[in-house]
Amino acid sequence: MIRFSQDHATERVQSTRAASWALAGLSLSMLLSSLGTSIANVALPTLASDFQATFPAVQWVVLAYLLAITSSIVSVGRLGDLVGRRRLLGAGIVVFTAASVVSGIAPALWLVIAARAAQGLGAAVMMALTMAFVAEVVPKAKTGSAMGLLGTTSAIGTGLGPSLGGALIDSFGWRAVFLVNVPLGLLAVLLAYRFLPADRPAPAKRVAFDHAGTVLLAMTLAAYALAVTLGRGHFGVKNVALLLAAGIGAALFLVAETKAASPLVRLAMFRDAALSASLAANVLVSTVLMSTLVVGPFYLARALGLDVGSVGMVMSVGPIVAALTGFPAGRIVDRFGTRRMTIAGLGGIALGATILGVLPAPLGVAGYVAPVALVTASYALFQAANNTAVMRDVVSSQRGVVSGTLNLSRNLGLITGASAMGAVFALATGADDVTTASPPAIAAAMRITFAVAAALVLLALACVAASHAFPARSRLPDAAA
C-alpha cells in the first residue's frame, strides 16, 4: 500500500510538471504571435530607407501580418479540430519560424511582405490553438488562471515589441527584428511536441473540410480589414467598395454555411445567448482598448506637451499593468466565477473611460495614467473571465473553431477601434489635420472619444447582463463535428 501511494504521488508530480511545461509552451506561442504584431512597427522607417520605398508601401509589412491573422484564424481553428491540434500547432509554429527567417534575410521588400503574410498565418494557428488546448492541459477549476497567464504573455509580447525592436535595430539592424523569433520558435516547437497531449486517432468516418466557407470567410474578413485600415482613417470610394464587398461576402458565407454538410462555423452555436453576448462584448471592449493607443499619443504630446521619450514611457503603463494583472485576474476568476468577474471587469472599464471622458487637463499626466491603468487592469479581468466563460465548457470537437472565433472577435474590435475611434477623435478636433489642431481642441476631442468609448462599454455590459436572463445552452455535442 505504501509503495502504491508513493508511485501514485510520483505520477501526480510528473503529471503536474508536464502540465506546467505544456502551459509554458502555450504561453511562448502566445508571446511570439503577439510580439509579431507589435515589433515590426518600429522597423518601418528603417525599411523605407533601406529599400527606398514609400511609407504606404512599407505599411504592408504590418498590414500583411494583420490580414493573414484576421482572415484565417477561424478556419485554422476548425482545421485543428479535424486534423489534430498538436499536429497543426506544431506546423503553425514551424511556418511562423521559417517565415521569420525569410523576413530577416529577404533582399527585397516584396519578399519581406510575403513572408510576413506567411508569418501571420502561422500566428493565426498559434493564437487559435493555444486557447483551445487549455482544457486539455489544466483542470477545469484552474481554467481562469491559465487564461490569465495567456493574457499576461500576450500583453508582454505587445508591450515589449516596440522597445525590443528599437534595441535590436540600434544594435544589429532591422533584420534582427525578425530573426529574434527563430530560437524562441524552435523552443516552442520542442515544448509543443514534448509536453502537449497527443492528438486523438482520426475517426473512422472522415469529416470534410468546408473549403467554400473557408474561402468566403477569408475574403469577407480581408475585405473588411482592408476597408477599415486603408486610407489611415480617411474613408474614400475604395473603403466604401470594400465594405460593400464585405457585406456581400458575409451574406454569401451565411448561405453557404446553411447548406454545407460540415460547415466551417455551425450557426446554431450563436443561439447560445451567453456565447453571442461574450463575442459581442469582446468586439466592443477591444474597440475601446484600442482608443487608448490611438488617442493617447496625441493627447500626451499635443495637449500635455510631453516629448517623444516621455510619451513612450507613459504609453508603456498600459502594457505593464496588463502584464502584472493578467495572472492574478485569472486566479480571481477561478475564485469568484466568470459572470461576476465579467461584469466587474466591464464596470471597471466603463468607469475608467468615463473618468477620461470628463478629465480636466490641469490634472496632467497623473490624471491620465490613473484611469488608463484602471481600464487596463479591468480589461485583464474581463478578458480572463470572458475567455474562461467561452472556452471552459466547449466540447473537444469544437474548441479550435470556438477559440478562433473568440480571437477573431478581439481582432475585429482592435482594427475597428483603430479606424472608427480614430475617426471620432479626428472629427471631434474640428481640424482638417489632427497634427495641426490646438491643444484645447485635442483635449476636448479626447474627452468626446472616451465618452463614446464609455457608451460602448455600457452597451457591452447590457449585452452580458441580458444574456443571463436566457437559459444556458450546452455547446454543440461531439457528434456535431
Protein backbone atom coordinates (compact mmCIF):
# COMPACT_ATOMS: atom_id res chain seq x y z
CA MET A 1 0.00 0.00 0.00
CA ILE A 2 2.83 2.39 0.84
CA ARG A 3 4.60 1.57 -2.42
CA PHE A 4 1.37 2.21 -4.35
CA SER A 5 0.89 5.58 -2.66
CA GLN A 6 4.46 6.57 -3.43
CA ASP A 7 4.06 5.58 -7.09
CA HIS A 8 0.78 7.45 -7.30
CA ALA A 9 2.33 10.58 -5.77
CA THR A 10 5.28 10.38 -8.19
CA GLU A 11 2.93 10.09 -11.17
CA ARG A 12 0.93 13.07 -9.92
CA VAL A 13 4.08 15.20 -9.58
CA GLN A 14 5.22 14.17 -13.05
CA SER A 15 1.78 14.99 -14.45
CA THR A 16 1.85 18.41 -12.78
CA ARG A 17 5.31 19.12 -14.17
CA ALA A 18 4.23 18.05 -17.66
CA ALA A 19 1.18 20.33 -17.43
CA SER A 20 3.40 23.22 -16.32
CA TRP A 21 5.77 22.71 -19.25
CA ALA A 22 2.81 22.37 -21.62
CA LEU A 23 1.39 25.65 -20.35
CA ALA A 24 4.83 27.23 -20.75
CA GLY A 25 4.86 26.13 -24.39
CA LEU A 26 1.40 27.58 -24.98
CA SER A 27 2.43 30.83 -23.31
CA LEU A 28 5.52 31.06 -25.51
CA SER A 29 3.37 30.54 -28.61
CA MET A 30 1.07 33.35 -27.49
CA LEU A 31 4.08 35.57 -26.72
CA LEU A 32 5.55 35.06 -30.20
CA SER A 33 2.30 35.76 -32.03
CA SER A 34 1.64 38.98 -30.09
CA LEU A 35 5.29 40.05 -30.40
CA GLY A 36 4.99 39.65 -34.16
CA THR A 37 2.11 42.13 -34.13
CA SER A 38 3.99 44.98 -32.45
CA ILE A 39 7.72 44.51 -33.05
CA ALA A 40 7.70 45.26 -36.79
CA ASN A 41 6.10 48.70 -36.46
CA VAL A 42 9.27 50.30 -35.18
CA ALA A 43 11.22 48.97 -38.17
CA LEU A 44 9.07 50.71 -40.81
CA PRO A 45 11.19 53.89 -41.14
CA THR A 46 14.38 51.82 -41.48
CA LEU A 47 12.75 49.54 -44.06
CA ALA A 48 11.58 52.56 -46.05
CA SER A 49 15.13 53.93 -46.04
CA ASP A 50 16.92 50.67 -46.87
CA PHE A 51 14.56 49.68 -49.68
CA GLN A 52 13.92 53.29 -50.76
CA ALA A 53 10.20 52.66 -50.53
CA THR A 54 7.26 54.91 -49.68
CA PHE A 55 5.61 54.75 -46.28
CA PRO A 56 2.34 53.30 -47.71
CA ALA A 57 4.44 50.53 -49.27
CA VAL A 58 6.26 49.56 -46.07
CA GLN A 59 2.98 49.69 -44.14
CA TRP A 60 2.15 46.40 -45.84
CA VAL A 61 4.81 44.75 -43.66
CA VAL A 62 2.39 45.28 -40.76
CA LEU A 63 -0.83 45.03 -42.75
CA ALA A 64 0.03 41.68 -44.36
CA TYR A 65 0.53 40.12 -40.92
CA LEU A 66 -2.75 41.55 -39.63
CA LEU A 67 -4.73 40.49 -42.70
CA ALA A 68 -3.38 36.94 -42.59
CA ILE A 69 -4.39 36.52 -38.95
CA THR A 70 -7.81 38.10 -39.35
CA SER A 71 -8.79 36.20 -42.49
CA SER A 72 -7.62 32.73 -41.40
CA ILE A 73 -7.97 32.43 -37.62
CA VAL A 74 -11.41 30.78 -37.61
CA SER A 75 -10.50 28.41 -40.44
CA VAL A 76 -7.28 27.19 -38.84
CA GLY A 77 -9.12 26.66 -35.56
CA ARG A 78 -11.62 24.41 -37.32
CA LEU A 79 -8.83 22.63 -39.17
CA GLY A 80 -7.19 21.88 -35.82
CA ASP A 81 -10.42 20.25 -34.65
CA LEU A 82 -10.34 17.97 -37.69
CA VAL A 83 -6.69 17.04 -38.23
CA GLY A 84 -5.36 17.27 -34.67
CA ARG A 85 -4.48 20.32 -32.62
CA ARG A 86 -0.95 19.35 -31.59
CA ARG A 87 -0.02 18.46 -35.14
CA LEU A 88 -1.38 21.72 -36.53
CA LEU A 89 0.04 23.87 -33.72
CA GLY A 90 3.49 22.41 -34.35
CA ALA A 91 3.12 23.10 -38.07
CA GLY A 92 1.95 26.66 -37.34
CA ILE A 93 4.99 27.37 -35.17
CA VAL A 94 7.28 25.94 -37.88
CA VAL A 95 5.63 28.17 -40.52
CA PHE A 96 5.94 31.20 -38.23
CA THR A 97 9.62 30.47 -37.54
CA ALA A 98 10.53 29.73 -41.17
CA ALA A 99 8.74 32.91 -42.30
CA SER A 100 10.71 34.86 -39.68
CA VAL A 101 13.93 33.57 -41.25
CA VAL A 102 12.79 34.59 -44.74
CA SER A 103 11.72 38.04 -43.47
CA GLY A 104 15.11 38.50 -41.86
CA ILE A 105 17.19 37.60 -44.92
CA ALA A 106 14.88 38.93 -47.67
CA PRO A 107 16.72 41.03 -50.30
CA ALA A 108 13.56 42.85 -51.46
CA LEU A 109 10.60 44.49 -49.78
CA TRP A 110 8.02 42.37 -51.62
CA LEU A 111 9.60 39.24 -50.17
CA VAL A 112 9.50 40.70 -46.65
CA ILE A 113 5.78 41.40 -47.13
CA ALA A 114 5.08 37.91 -48.50
CA ALA A 115 6.98 36.31 -45.63
CA ARG A 116 5.07 38.45 -43.13
CA ALA A 117 1.80 37.14 -44.59
CA ALA A 118 3.06 33.57 -44.06
CA GLN A 119 4.18 34.56 -40.57
CA GLY A 120 0.65 35.85 -39.89
CA LEU A 121 -0.81 32.53 -40.99
CA GLY A 122 1.43 30.73 -38.52
CA ALA A 123 0.48 33.25 -35.83
CA ALA A 124 -3.23 32.62 -36.51
CA VAL A 125 -2.69 28.92 -35.82
CA MET A 126 -0.80 29.73 -32.62
CA MET A 127 -3.45 32.17 -31.36
CA ALA A 128 -6.39 29.91 -32.12
CA LEU A 129 -4.98 26.67 -30.76
CA THR A 130 -3.23 27.86 -27.60
CA MET A 131 -6.58 28.71 -26.01
CA ALA A 132 -8.16 25.54 -27.43
CA PHE A 133 -5.50 23.46 -25.63
CA VAL A 134 -6.16 24.91 -22.16
CA ALA A 135 -8.96 22.45 -21.34
CA GLU A 136 -6.64 19.54 -22.18
CA VAL A 137 -3.72 20.83 -20.11
CA VAL A 138 -5.16 22.22 -16.85
CA PRO A 139 -8.07 21.15 -14.61
CA LYS A 140 -11.38 22.87 -15.26
CA ALA A 141 -11.23 24.65 -11.90
CA LYS A 142 -7.99 26.40 -12.95
CA THR A 143 -9.08 27.48 -16.43
CA GLY A 144 -9.24 31.13 -15.34
CA SER A 145 -5.64 31.08 -14.11
CA ALA A 146 -4.46 29.59 -17.41
CA MET A 147 -6.42 32.16 -19.42
CA GLY A 148 -4.99 34.91 -17.23
CA LEU A 149 -1.46 33.64 -17.88
CA LEU A 150 -2.05 33.63 -21.64
CA GLY A 151 -3.42 37.16 -21.37
CA THR A 152 -0.30 38.19 -19.46
CA THR A 153 2.07 36.77 -22.07
CA SER A 154 0.04 38.40 -24.86
CA ALA A 155 0.32 41.77 -23.09
CA ILE A 156 4.04 41.27 -22.54
CA GLY A 157 4.55 40.50 -26.22
CA THR A 158 2.55 43.52 -27.35
CA GLY A 159 4.21 45.87 -24.87
CA LEU A 160 7.73 44.51 -25.36
CA GLY A 161 7.64 44.74 -29.16
CA PRO A 162 8.46 48.43 -29.71
CA SER A 163 11.23 48.65 -27.09
CA LEU A 164 12.81 45.31 -28.05
CA GLY A 165 12.55 46.16 -31.73
CA GLY A 166 14.22 49.53 -31.21
CA ALA A 167 17.06 47.97 -29.23
CA LEU A 168 17.62 45.27 -31.86
CA ILE A 169 17.64 47.78 -34.72
CA ASP A 170 20.13 50.02 -32.91
CA SER A 171 22.47 47.09 -32.21
CA PHE A 172 22.08 44.73 -35.19
CA GLY A 173 19.86 46.32 -37.84
CA TRP A 174 16.24 45.72 -38.86
CA ARG A 175 16.78 42.08 -39.83
CA ALA A 176 17.24 41.15 -36.17
CA VAL A 177 13.63 42.20 -35.53
CA PHE A 178 12.50 39.08 -37.40
CA LEU A 179 15.41 36.73 -36.68
CA VAL A 180 14.92 37.05 -32.92
CA ASN A 181 11.85 34.81 -33.32
CA VAL A 182 13.90 31.86 -34.57
CA PRO A 183 15.37 30.47 -31.32
CA LEU A 184 12.11 31.14 -29.47
CA GLY A 185 10.15 29.40 -32.23
CA LEU A 186 12.38 26.33 -32.08
CA LEU A 187 11.90 26.15 -28.31
CA ALA A 188 8.12 26.49 -28.73
CA VAL A 189 8.06 23.57 -31.22
CA LEU A 190 10.09 21.42 -28.82
CA LEU A 191 7.76 22.16 -25.90
CA ALA A 192 4.65 21.53 -28.01
CA TYR A 193 5.73 18.12 -29.26
CA ARG A 194 7.22 17.07 -25.93
CA PHE A 195 4.51 18.08 -23.47
CA LEU A 196 1.19 18.76 -25.19
CA PRO A 197 -1.35 15.88 -25.23
CA ALA A 198 -1.18 13.69 -28.31
CA ASP A 199 -3.91 14.04 -30.91
CA ARG A 200 -6.77 11.60 -30.81
CA PRO A 201 -6.90 8.92 -33.52
CA ALA A 202 -8.75 10.09 -36.61
CA PRO A 203 -12.42 8.98 -36.68
CA ALA A 204 -13.35 6.13 -38.99
CA LYS A 205 -15.70 8.45 -40.87
CA ARG A 206 -13.65 11.36 -42.11
CA VAL A 207 -15.30 14.80 -41.78
CA ALA A 208 -14.95 17.00 -44.86
CA PHE A 209 -13.41 20.44 -44.50
CA ASP A 210 -15.61 23.32 -45.63
CA HIS A 211 -13.48 24.78 -48.42
CA ALA A 212 -16.19 27.05 -49.84
CA GLY A 213 -16.98 28.53 -46.43
CA THR A 214 -13.29 28.99 -45.71
CA VAL A 215 -12.68 30.96 -48.92
CA LEU A 216 -15.79 33.10 -48.47
CA LEU A 217 -15.00 33.92 -44.85
CA ALA A 218 -11.35 34.71 -45.62
CA MET A 219 -12.31 37.05 -48.47
CA THR A 220 -15.01 38.72 -46.37
CA LEU A 221 -12.72 39.34 -43.42
CA ALA A 222 -9.87 40.53 -45.64
CA ALA A 223 -12.21 42.99 -47.38
CA TYR A 224 -13.44 44.33 -44.03
CA ALA A 225 -9.93 44.63 -42.60
CA LEU A 226 -8.74 46.50 -45.68
CA ALA A 227 -11.80 48.76 -45.62
CA VAL A 228 -11.11 49.98 -42.10
CA THR A 229 -7.32 50.20 -42.36
CA LEU A 230 -6.62 51.68 -45.81
CA GLY A 231 -6.57 55.44 -46.04
CA ARG A 232 -5.38 55.91 -42.44
CA GLY A 233 -8.83 56.89 -41.15
CA HIS A 234 -9.99 58.79 -44.27
CA PHE A 235 -12.83 56.92 -45.97
CA GLY A 236 -12.98 57.09 -49.73
CA VAL A 237 -14.51 55.21 -52.63
CA LYS A 238 -12.18 52.24 -52.16
CA ASN A 239 -13.15 51.92 -48.50
CA VAL A 240 -16.87 52.01 -49.30
CA ALA A 241 -16.43 49.44 -52.09
CA LEU A 242 -14.53 47.14 -49.75
CA LEU A 243 -17.23 47.47 -47.08
CA LEU A 244 -19.89 46.58 -49.64
CA ALA A 245 -17.82 43.60 -50.75
CA ALA A 246 -17.50 42.51 -47.12
CA GLY A 247 -21.28 42.78 -46.66
CA ILE A 248 -21.98 40.72 -49.78
CA GLY A 249 -19.35 38.19 -48.73
CA ALA A 250 -20.90 37.86 -45.29
CA ALA A 251 -24.32 37.17 -46.81
CA LEU A 252 -22.88 34.55 -49.18
CA PHE A 253 -20.99 32.94 -46.28
CA LEU A 254 -24.18 32.61 -44.21
CA VAL A 255 -25.97 30.98 -47.15
CA ALA A 256 -23.06 28.61 -47.75
CA GLU A 257 -22.94 27.57 -44.08
CA THR A 258 -26.64 26.69 -44.02
CA LYS A 259 -26.14 24.36 -47.00
CA ALA A 260 -22.77 22.80 -46.12
CA ALA A 261 -22.77 19.21 -44.89
CA SER A 262 -19.94 20.01 -42.46
CA PRO A 263 -19.90 23.80 -42.12
CA LEU A 264 -16.85 25.77 -41.05
CA VAL A 265 -18.94 27.53 -38.39
CA ARG A 266 -22.14 25.98 -37.09
CA LEU A 267 -24.51 28.91 -36.95
CA ALA A 268 -26.55 27.10 -34.29
CA MET A 269 -23.87 27.89 -31.71
CA PHE A 270 -24.85 31.56 -31.86
CA ARG A 271 -28.25 30.60 -30.43
CA ASP A 272 -26.39 30.37 -27.15
CA ALA A 273 -27.17 33.83 -25.76
CA ALA A 274 -24.18 33.79 -23.40
CA LEU A 275 -21.74 32.92 -26.20
CA SER A 276 -23.13 35.58 -28.54
CA ALA A 277 -23.02 38.19 -25.76
CA SER A 278 -19.43 37.25 -24.90
CA LEU A 279 -18.32 37.65 -28.51
CA ALA A 280 -20.17 40.96 -28.90
CA ALA A 281 -18.67 42.27 -25.66
CA ASN A 282 -15.22 41.20 -26.82
CA VAL A 283 -15.58 43.24 -30.01
CA LEU A 284 -16.84 46.33 -28.17
CA VAL A 285 -14.26 46.22 -25.38
CA SER A 286 -11.37 45.63 -27.79
CA THR A 287 -12.58 48.64 -29.77
CA VAL A 288 -12.41 50.73 -26.59
CA LEU A 289 -8.98 49.39 -25.62
CA MET A 290 -7.60 50.49 -28.98
CA SER A 291 -8.81 54.02 -28.21
CA THR A 292 -6.10 54.42 -25.58
CA LEU A 293 -3.44 53.51 -28.15
CA VAL A 294 -4.86 55.77 -30.88
CA VAL A 295 -5.78 58.84 -28.85
CA GLY A 296 -3.20 58.65 -26.07
CA PRO A 297 -0.08 59.74 -28.01
CA PHE A 298 -1.83 62.81 -29.46
CA TYR A 299 -3.23 63.89 -26.09
CA LEU A 300 0.07 63.41 -24.27
CA ALA A 301 2.16 65.16 -26.92
CA ARG A 302 -0.17 67.93 -28.09
CA ALA A 303 -2.36 68.70 -25.06
CA LEU A 304 0.13 67.98 -22.26
CA GLY A 305 3.28 68.94 -24.18
CA LEU A 306 5.34 65.80 -23.47
CA ASP A 307 8.38 64.94 -25.59
CA VAL A 308 8.62 61.70 -27.56
CA GLY A 309 10.53 59.83 -24.85
CA SER A 310 8.06 60.82 -22.16
CA VAL A 311 5.11 59.84 -24.34
CA GLY A 312 6.66 56.41 -24.82
CA MET A 313 7.15 55.97 -21.09
CA VAL A 314 3.55 56.95 -20.29
CA MET A 315 2.19 54.73 -23.07
CA SER A 316 4.09 51.75 -21.62
CA VAL A 317 1.98 51.93 -18.45
CA GLY A 318 -0.92 50.09 -20.11
CA PRO A 319 1.05 47.01 -21.23
CA ILE A 320 2.90 46.91 -17.89
CA VAL A 321 -0.37 46.96 -15.93
CA ALA A 322 -1.82 44.27 -18.23
CA ALA A 323 1.24 42.07 -17.73
CA LEU A 324 1.13 42.46 -13.95
CA THR A 325 -2.60 41.91 -13.55
CA GLY A 326 -3.31 39.14 -16.09
CA PHE A 327 -2.42 36.11 -13.97
CA PRO A 328 -3.91 37.47 -10.68
CA ALA A 329 -7.07 38.27 -12.64
CA GLY A 330 -7.28 34.63 -13.72
CA ARG A 331 -6.94 33.49 -10.10
CA ILE A 332 -9.73 35.86 -9.11
CA VAL A 333 -11.95 34.43 -11.86
CA ASP A 334 -11.35 30.89 -10.58
CA ARG A 335 -12.27 32.06 -7.08
CA PHE A 336 -15.36 34.18 -7.72
CA GLY A 337 -16.74 32.91 -11.04
CA THR A 338 -16.90 34.15 -14.62
CA ARG A 339 -20.23 36.01 -14.55
CA ARG A 340 -19.48 38.29 -11.63
CA MET A 341 -15.94 38.97 -12.80
CA THR A 342 -17.03 39.68 -16.39
CA ILE A 343 -19.45 42.31 -15.06
CA ALA A 344 -16.83 43.64 -12.63
CA GLY A 345 -14.29 43.96 -15.43
CA LEU A 346 -16.75 45.75 -17.70
CA GLY A 347 -17.75 48.05 -14.85
CA GLY A 348 -14.11 48.99 -14.24
CA ILE A 349 -13.52 49.71 -17.94
CA ALA A 350 -16.68 51.84 -18.10
CA LEU A 351 -15.60 53.79 -15.01
CA GLY A 352 -12.09 54.40 -16.37
CA ALA A 353 -13.43 55.51 -19.76
CA THR A 354 -15.96 57.81 -18.05
CA ILE A 355 -13.19 59.44 -16.00
CA LEU A 356 -11.19 60.01 -19.18
CA GLY A 357 -14.33 61.47 -20.75
CA VAL A 358 -14.59 64.18 -18.08
CA LEU A 359 -10.87 64.55 -17.42
CA PRO A 360 -9.79 68.15 -16.72
CA ALA A 361 -6.47 68.97 -18.40
CA PRO A 362 -4.89 70.56 -15.26
CA LEU A 363 -4.61 67.09 -13.68
CA GLY A 364 -1.80 66.41 -16.16
CA VAL A 365 -0.07 63.07 -16.66
CA ALA A 366 -1.23 61.58 -13.34
CA GLY A 367 -4.84 62.34 -14.23
CA TYR A 368 -4.39 60.42 -17.47
CA VAL A 369 -2.35 57.48 -16.18
CA ALA A 370 -4.66 56.55 -13.28
CA PRO A 371 -7.85 55.95 -15.33
CA VAL A 372 -5.84 54.25 -18.12
CA ALA A 373 -4.38 51.88 -15.51
CA LEU A 374 -7.93 51.20 -14.28
CA VAL A 375 -9.11 50.49 -17.83
CA THR A 376 -6.18 48.14 -18.49
CA ALA A 377 -6.44 46.21 -15.21
CA SER A 378 -10.21 45.87 -15.66
CA TYR A 379 -9.66 44.68 -19.23
CA ALA A 380 -7.32 41.97 -17.94
CA LEU A 381 -10.07 40.84 -15.55
CA PHE A 382 -12.72 40.96 -18.27
CA GLN A 383 -10.55 39.05 -20.73
CA ALA A 384 -9.72 36.28 -18.26
CA ALA A 385 -13.37 35.93 -17.21
CA ASN A 386 -14.81 36.19 -20.72
CA ASN A 387 -12.33 33.76 -22.29
CA THR A 388 -12.91 31.29 -19.46
CA ALA A 389 -16.68 31.57 -19.79
CA VAL A 390 -16.49 30.88 -23.53
CA MET A 391 -13.88 28.10 -23.54
CA ARG A 392 -14.41 26.16 -20.30
CA ASP A 393 -17.47 24.14 -21.38
CA VAL A 394 -16.80 23.80 -25.12
CA VAL A 395 -16.72 20.17 -26.25
CA SER A 396 -13.45 18.85 -27.63
CA SER A 397 -14.54 18.72 -31.27
CA GLN A 398 -15.40 22.43 -31.29
CA ARG A 399 -12.60 24.00 -29.21
CA GLY A 400 -10.49 25.08 -32.17
CA VAL A 401 -13.25 26.85 -34.10
CA VAL A 402 -14.72 28.49 -30.98
CA SER A 403 -11.26 29.67 -29.90
CA GLY A 404 -10.65 31.01 -33.41
CA THR A 405 -13.99 32.84 -33.34
CA LEU A 406 -13.18 34.34 -29.92
CA ASN A 407 -9.78 35.56 -31.14
CA LEU A 408 -11.41 36.91 -34.30
CA SER A 409 -13.88 38.98 -32.27
CA ARG A 410 -10.98 40.57 -30.39
CA ASN A 411 -9.04 41.24 -33.60
CA LEU A 412 -12.05 42.78 -35.31
CA GLY A 413 -12.53 45.05 -32.30
CA LEU A 414 -8.91 46.20 -32.43
CA ILE A 415 -8.86 47.03 -36.12
CA THR A 416 -12.31 48.66 -35.91
CA GLY A 417 -11.19 50.71 -32.92
CA ALA A 418 -8.10 51.92 -34.75
CA SER A 419 -10.28 53.21 -37.58
CA ALA A 420 -13.62 54.15 -36.01
CA MET A 421 -12.33 55.66 -32.75
CA GLY A 422 -9.55 57.40 -34.65
CA ALA A 423 -12.19 58.91 -36.94
CA VAL A 424 -14.26 60.04 -33.94
CA PHE A 425 -11.20 61.70 -32.44
CA ALA A 426 -10.21 63.40 -35.69
CA LEU A 427 -13.74 64.65 -36.31
CA ALA A 428 -14.04 65.95 -32.74
CA THR A 429 -10.93 68.13 -33.11
CA GLY A 430 -12.67 70.15 -35.80
CA ALA A 431 -9.38 70.45 -37.71
CA ASP A 432 -8.57 69.26 -41.22
CA ASP A 433 -5.45 67.58 -39.84
CA VAL A 434 -5.15 66.29 -36.26
CA THR A 435 -1.47 67.27 -36.15
CA THR A 436 -2.42 70.94 -36.60
CA ALA A 437 -5.22 71.00 -34.00
CA SER A 438 -4.74 73.24 -30.97
CA PRO A 439 -4.05 71.72 -27.52
CA PRO A 440 -7.52 72.65 -26.19
CA ALA A 441 -9.11 71.06 -29.27
CA ILE A 442 -7.07 67.88 -28.74
CA ALA A 443 -8.11 67.72 -25.06
CA ALA A 444 -11.78 68.25 -25.94
CA ALA A 445 -11.62 65.59 -28.69
CA MET A 446 -10.04 63.13 -26.24
CA ARG A 447 -12.93 63.64 -23.81
CA ILE A 448 -15.52 63.16 -26.57
CA THR A 449 -13.79 59.98 -27.81
CA PHE A 450 -13.77 58.40 -24.37
CA ALA A 451 -17.37 59.42 -23.74
CA VAL A 452 -18.20 57.37 -26.84
CA ALA A 453 -15.94 54.59 -25.53
CA ALA A 454 -17.80 54.56 -22.19
CA ALA A 455 -21.11 54.23 -24.06
CA LEU A 456 -19.74 51.22 -25.99
CA VAL A 457 -18.68 49.51 -22.76
CA LEU A 458 -22.11 50.13 -21.24
CA LEU A 459 -23.60 48.50 -24.35
CA ALA A 460 -21.31 45.50 -23.80
CA LEU A 461 -22.41 45.38 -20.15
CA ALA A 462 -26.06 45.43 -21.23
CA CYS A 463 -25.44 42.55 -23.68
CA VAL A 464 -23.82 40.41 -20.98
CA ALA A 465 -26.47 41.24 -18.38
CA ALA A 466 -29.32 40.50 -20.82
CA SER A 467 -27.79 37.14 -21.79
CA HIS A 468 -28.07 35.98 -18.18
CA ALA A 469 -31.85 36.17 -18.47
CA PHE A 470 -31.83 33.34 -21.02
CA PRO A 471 -31.40 29.68 -20.06
CA ALA A 472 -27.91 28.38 -20.69
CA ARG A 473 -27.47 26.12 -23.71
CA SER A 474 -24.86 23.43 -23.86
CA ARG A 475 -22.22 23.71 -26.55
CA LEU A 476 -22.60 21.60 -29.65
CA PRO A 477 -22.09 17.87 -28.97
CA ASP A 478 -19.15 15.98 -30.36
CA ALA A 479 -21.39 14.39 -32.90
CA ALA A 480 -21.89 17.76 -34.48
CA ALA A 481 -18.33 17.86 -35.65
